């Protein structure tokens, strides 16, 4: 999934629509925001797209209840430098699943 060419990430601890990445976290992992309704790209299920209002009144895009973010170190289309960062941040696939993320229900 991309936001104007940038990879889109979600955090494994943000899968219920609650925005927990604020302040300094949001400076490194900026929210994917829109004015109005988000538009589904190729392979994206429009029924899973939505928004959540942030403290500043902007609308953050959520997909299957996961707030979406980009990563400041991704400089060019195709960069996924944040993928797997801190075992927390994972690229979101068009199906809404976090690509290669560990299953939180599996025990080590």
Protein backbone atom coordinates (compact mmCIF):
# COMPACT_ATOMS: atom_id res chain seq x y z
CA UNK A 1 0.00 0.00 0.00
CA UNK A 2 1.31 3.48 -0.75
CA UNK A 3 0.51 7.09 0.08
CA UNK A 4 1.52 9.15 -2.95
CA UNK A 5 4.39 6.75 -3.69
CA UNK A 6 5.55 6.25 -0.10
CA UNK A 7 5.30 2.91 1.68
CA UNK A 8 2.58 2.83 4.32
CA UNK A 9 3.20 1.32 7.73
CA UNK A 10 1.16 0.33 10.77
CA UNK A 11 2.31 -0.60 14.24
CA UNK A 12 1.41 -3.97 15.70
CA UNK A 13 0.13 -2.21 18.83
CA UNK A 14 -2.23 0.08 16.85
CA UNK A 15 -4.55 -2.44 15.28
CA UNK A 16 -7.73 -1.32 17.00
CA UNK A 17 -8.07 2.18 15.55
CA UNK A 18 -6.49 3.89 18.54
CA UNK A 19 -3.75 6.36 17.63
CA UNK A 20 -0.83 5.86 20.00
CA UNK A 21 1.93 7.38 17.84
CA UNK A 22 1.91 11.06 18.76
CA UNK A 23 4.50 13.70 19.65
CA UNK A 24 8.07 12.61 18.88
CA UNK A 25 6.82 9.27 17.53
CA UNK A 26 4.71 11.09 14.93
CA UNK A 27 7.76 13.12 13.86
CA UNK A 28 9.51 9.88 12.85
CA UNK A 29 6.33 8.08 11.75
CA UNK A 30 4.10 10.81 10.26
CA UNK A 31 0.42 10.03 10.00
CA UNK A 32 -1.05 9.46 6.55
CA UNK A 33 -3.66 12.22 6.42
CA UNK A 34 -6.36 13.26 3.97
CA UNK A 35 -8.85 16.00 3.48
CA UNK A 36 -12.22 14.38 3.05
CA UNK A 37 -12.51 10.68 2.32
CA UNK A 38 -9.52 8.49 1.43
CA UNK A 39 -9.49 6.94 -2.04
CA UNK A 40 -8.74 3.26 -2.55
CA UNK A 41 -5.88 2.42 -4.91
CA UNK A 42 -5.36 -0.78 -6.87
CA UNK A 43 -5.96 -3.87 -4.75
CA UNK A 44 -7.20 -1.88 -1.75
CA UNK A 45 -10.61 -2.78 -0.32
CA UNK A 46 -12.47 0.52 -0.11
CA UNK A 47 -14.74 -0.91 2.61
CA UNK A 48 -11.71 -1.19 4.94
CA UNK A 49 -10.64 2.45 4.50
CA UNK A 50 -11.62 5.08 7.01
CA UNK A 51 -10.31 7.97 9.06
CA UNK A 52 -9.79 8.92 12.66
CA UNK A 53 -9.61 12.52 13.83
CA UNK A 54 -6.32 13.56 15.39
CA UNK A 55 -5.91 16.10 18.21
CA UNK A 56 -5.12 18.85 15.69
CA UNK A 57 -8.33 18.16 13.76
CA UNK A 58 -6.65 16.48 10.78
CA UNK A 59 -7.90 13.13 9.53
CA UNK A 60 -5.56 10.14 9.72
CA UNK A 61 -6.26 7.28 7.33
CA UNK A 62 -6.98 3.89 8.89
CA UNK A 63 -7.15 0.60 7.04
CA UNK A 64 -8.89 -2.34 8.67
CA UNK A 65 -8.80 -0.21 11.88
CA UNK A 66 -5.01 0.29 11.76
CA UNK A 67 -3.86 3.95 11.71
CA UNK A 68 -1.46 4.41 8.78
CA UNK A 69 1.95 6.11 8.82
CA UNK A 70 4.92 6.81 6.59
CA UNK A 71 8.57 6.73 7.72
CA UNK A 72 10.84 9.79 7.53
CA UNK A 73 13.86 7.79 6.35
CA UNK A 74 12.02 6.51 3.26
CA UNK A 75 13.26 9.01 0.69
CA UNK A 76 12.24 7.47 -2.65
CA UNK A 77 9.37 5.40 -4.02
CA UNK A 78 10.00 1.80 -3.08
CA UNK A 79 11.97 2.55 0.09
CA UNK A 80 10.88 0.47 3.08
CA UNK A 81 13.61 1.35 5.58
CA UNK A 82 11.17 1.20 8.50
CA UNK A 83 9.94 -2.31 7.75
CA UNK A 84 10.30 -4.40 10.91
CA UNK A 85 11.64 -1.46 12.92
CA UNK A 86 11.69 -2.34 16.63
CA UNK A 87 9.56 -5.40 15.76
CA UNK A 88 6.72 -2.88 15.87
CA UNK A 89 6.41 -1.20 12.45
CA UNK A 90 5.47 -3.18 9.33
CA UNK A 91 4.52 -2.30 5.77
CA UNK A 92 0.78 -2.70 5.17
CA UNK A 93 -0.23 -4.87 2.21
CA UNK A 94 -3.26 -4.12 0.01
CA UNK A 95 -5.20 -6.73 2.00
CA UNK A 96 -4.66 -4.74 5.19
CA UNK A 97 -2.27 -7.31 6.65
CA UNK A 98 1.10 -6.30 8.07
CA UNK A 99 3.66 -7.89 5.74
CA UNK A 100 5.99 -10.36 7.53
CA UNK A 101 4.83 -9.20 10.97
CA UNK A 102 5.02 -11.83 13.69
CA UNK A 103 1.71 -13.26 14.82
CA UNK A 104 0.98 -11.70 18.24
CA UNK A 105 -1.01 -14.82 19.21
CA UNK A 106 1.96 -17.16 18.68
CA UNK A 107 4.23 -17.81 21.63
CA UNK A 108 8.01 -17.94 21.21
